[in-house]
Amino acid sequence: MKSLKQALLLGLISSIAVFTASYLGLPVWVLFIAWVSYYLFGTKIKTATSIFVQQTLGILIAIIIQYFGTYFSEILHLLGFPIIVFTVMIGVFYISKLKYLNTIPAYFLGMIVWFGSKAQIDINLFFLLIITLFSGYIFAWVNVSISSRIESKN
C-alpha cells in the first residue's frame, strides 16, 4: 500500500508540475532537468541550493560562450567557438575547486538548459529558465517531503 501511495503521489505531483509549467509557459523539459538534478545530487535543501546555483552559473557560462563564440567566429571563423569553449572551460575547472561550487556536471546541465532553448541572448529568457529550474526543484522537494512522510508512517 505504501508503494501505491508513493506512486500515486509521484504521478499527481508530476501532472501538477506539467500543468503548471504549461499554463505559465515554462519549458517543461527544463523543469524535469531540475527534478532529476534534485534526485541525482542529493535530496537535501543545502545540496539542492548548491546545485541550483551551479546550474544558474552554467546558464550564464553558456551565454558567455554564445556571445563571445559568435563574436570570435566572425574573426576566426570555425575556430571562434572552440577557442572560447576551451578558455571558458578552463575557468569552469578552477571555479569547481571552490568548496560549494564543485560539481562540474551541474554547470554542464545549466549549459544544456541554455543551449537547448536554442534562443538568442535575452534576459527575459534567462529569468524564465531560472524560474523553471527553481520550480522543478520545488516540485521535486514536495514529492520527496510527502513521500518521506508516507514512508515514516509505516
Protein backbone atom coordinates (compact mmCIF):
# COMPACT_ATOMS: atom_id res chain seq x y z
CA MET A 1 0.00 0.00 0.00
CA LYS A 2 2.88 2.35 0.82
CA SER A 3 4.32 1.94 -2.69
CA LEU A 4 0.94 2.59 -4.28
CA LYS A 5 0.56 5.84 -2.30
CA GLN A 6 4.06 6.96 -3.31
CA ALA A 7 3.43 6.05 -6.97
CA LEU A 8 0.13 7.96 -6.97
CA LEU A 9 1.85 10.89 -5.29
CA LEU A 10 4.60 10.96 -7.91
CA GLY A 11 2.02 10.81 -10.68
CA LEU A 12 -0.09 13.55 -9.11
CA ILE A 13 2.79 15.94 -8.41
CA SER A 14 4.30 15.31 -11.86
CA SER A 15 0.99 16.05 -13.56
CA ILE A 16 0.51 19.21 -11.47
CA ALA A 17 4.06 20.27 -12.38
CA VAL A 18 3.43 19.73 -16.10
CA PHE A 19 0.08 21.53 -15.94
CA THR A 20 1.58 24.46 -14.03
CA ALA A 21 4.57 24.77 -16.36
CA SER A 22 2.38 24.55 -19.44
CA TYR A 23 -0.11 27.05 -18.06
CA LEU A 24 2.67 29.52 -17.21
CA GLY A 25 4.52 28.97 -20.49
CA LEU A 26 7.54 27.40 -18.81
CA PRO A 27 9.58 24.82 -20.72
CA VAL A 28 8.57 21.50 -19.14
CA TRP A 29 11.82 19.79 -20.11
CA VAL A 30 13.78 22.32 -18.01
CA LEU A 31 11.52 21.65 -15.05
CA PHE A 32 12.33 17.95 -15.31
CA ILE A 33 16.07 18.60 -15.59
CA ALA A 34 15.81 20.32 -12.21
CA TRP A 35 13.70 17.49 -10.83
CA VAL A 36 16.23 14.88 -11.95
CA SER A 37 19.06 17.02 -10.56
CA TYR A 38 17.35 17.08 -7.17
CA TYR A 39 17.35 13.28 -7.08
CA LEU A 40 20.80 12.78 -8.62
CA PHE A 41 22.76 15.21 -6.49
CA GLY A 42 21.01 14.66 -3.19
CA THR A 43 17.62 15.48 -1.78
CA LYS A 44 18.75 17.93 0.87
CA ILE A 45 17.99 21.66 0.72
CA LYS A 46 21.66 22.63 1.09
CA THR A 47 22.76 20.34 -1.74
CA ALA A 48 19.86 21.35 -3.98
CA THR A 49 20.63 25.02 -3.41
CA SER A 50 24.27 24.50 -4.32
CA ILE A 51 23.37 22.58 -7.49
CA PHE A 52 20.76 25.19 -8.45
CA VAL A 53 23.37 27.95 -8.10
CA GLN A 54 25.84 25.99 -10.20
CA GLN A 55 23.21 25.34 -12.88
CA THR A 56 22.42 29.05 -12.90
CA LEU A 57 26.13 29.74 -13.35
CA GLY A 58 26.12 27.13 -16.13
CA ILE A 59 23.40 29.10 -17.92
CA LEU A 60 25.46 32.27 -17.55
CA ILE A 61 28.54 30.42 -18.80
CA ALA A 62 26.58 29.25 -21.85
CA ILE A 63 25.50 32.84 -22.53
CA ILE A 64 29.14 33.94 -22.33
CA ILE A 65 30.16 31.15 -24.70
CA GLN A 66 27.37 32.08 -27.11
CA TYR A 67 28.18 35.79 -27.03
CA PHE A 68 31.95 35.56 -27.37
CA GLY A 69 31.79 32.49 -29.60
CA THR A 70 29.63 34.40 -32.05
CA TYR A 71 31.92 37.43 -31.87
CA PHE A 72 35.13 35.47 -32.38
CA SER A 73 33.59 33.32 -35.09
CA GLU A 74 33.32 36.46 -37.20
CA ILE A 75 37.07 36.94 -36.83
CA LEU A 76 38.38 33.38 -36.53
CA HIS A 77 35.61 31.56 -38.41
CA LEU A 78 35.44 27.87 -37.42
CA LEU A 79 37.94 28.34 -34.60
CA GLY A 80 35.93 31.05 -32.81
CA PHE A 81 33.66 28.81 -30.76
CA PRO A 82 36.24 26.12 -29.92
CA ILE A 83 38.70 28.73 -28.65
CA ILE A 84 36.04 30.34 -26.45
CA VAL A 85 34.84 26.97 -25.15
CA PHE A 86 38.44 25.99 -24.38
CA THR A 87 39.07 29.22 -22.50
CA VAL A 88 35.79 29.24 -20.59
CA MET A 89 36.04 25.58 -19.58
CA ILE A 90 39.46 26.22 -18.06
CA GLY A 91 37.70 28.82 -15.90
CA VAL A 92 34.94 26.34 -15.01
CA PHE A 93 37.57 23.84 -13.90
CA TYR A 94 39.05 26.34 -11.48
CA ILE A 95 35.66 27.52 -10.24
CA SER A 96 34.84 23.89 -9.47
CA LYS A 97 37.72 23.83 -7.00
CA LEU A 98 35.72 26.12 -4.69
CA LYS A 99 34.03 24.36 -1.78
CA TYR A 100 30.37 24.91 -2.66
CA LEU A 101 30.77 25.21 -6.43
CA ASN A 102 32.47 21.89 -7.04
CA THR A 103 30.01 19.90 -9.17
CA ILE A 104 31.05 20.15 -12.81
CA PRO A 105 28.03 18.17 -14.12
CA ALA A 106 25.75 20.87 -12.66
CA TYR A 107 27.48 23.50 -14.78
CA PHE A 108 27.03 21.34 -17.87
CA LEU A 109 23.35 20.81 -17.08
CA GLY A 110 22.95 24.59 -16.88
CA MET A 111 24.68 24.93 -20.24
CA ILE A 112 22.38 22.26 -21.69
CA VAL A 113 19.38 24.25 -20.45
CA TRP A 114 20.60 27.38 -22.23
CA PHE A 115 21.77 25.80 -25.45
CA GLY A 116 18.72 23.52 -25.51
CA SER A 117 16.48 26.57 -25.56
CA LYS A 118 18.01 27.45 -28.97
CA ALA A 119 17.50 31.12 -28.30
CA GLN A 120 19.29 34.33 -28.84
CA ILE A 121 20.67 36.01 -25.75
CA ASP A 122 17.72 37.50 -23.90
CA ILE A 123 17.47 38.49 -20.24
CA ASN A 124 13.79 37.52 -20.15
CA LEU A 125 14.63 34.00 -21.32
CA PHE A 126 17.37 33.80 -18.70
CA PHE A 127 14.87 34.57 -15.93
CA LEU A 128 12.27 32.23 -17.44
CA LEU A 129 14.79 29.39 -17.36
CA ILE A 130 15.82 30.20 -13.78
CA ILE A 131 12.18 30.29 -12.64
CA THR A 132 11.58 26.97 -14.38
CA LEU A 133 14.63 25.34 -12.78
CA PHE A 134 13.57 26.63 -9.38
CA SER A 135 10.05 25.29 -9.94
CA GLY A 136 11.45 21.88 -10.79
CA TYR A 137 13.39 21.81 -7.55
CA ILE A 138 10.29 22.84 -5.60
CA PHE A 139 8.13 20.12 -7.15
CA ALA A 140 10.83 17.51 -6.51
CA TRP A 141 11.19 18.69 -2.91
CA VAL A 142 7.42 18.50 -2.37
CA ASN A 143 7.36 14.96 -3.75
CA VAL A 144 10.27 13.82 -1.58
CA SER A 145 8.88 15.52 1.53
CA ILE A 146 5.42 13.97 1.24
CA SER A 147 6.83 10.61 0.17
CA SER A 148 9.08 10.60 3.25
CA ARG A 149 6.05 11.19 5.45
CA ILE A 150 4.29 8.25 3.82
CA GLU A 151 7.40 6.13 4.40
CA SER A 152 7.71 7.13 8.07
CA LYS A 153 4.06 6.30 8.85
CA ASN A 154 4.72 2.64 8.11
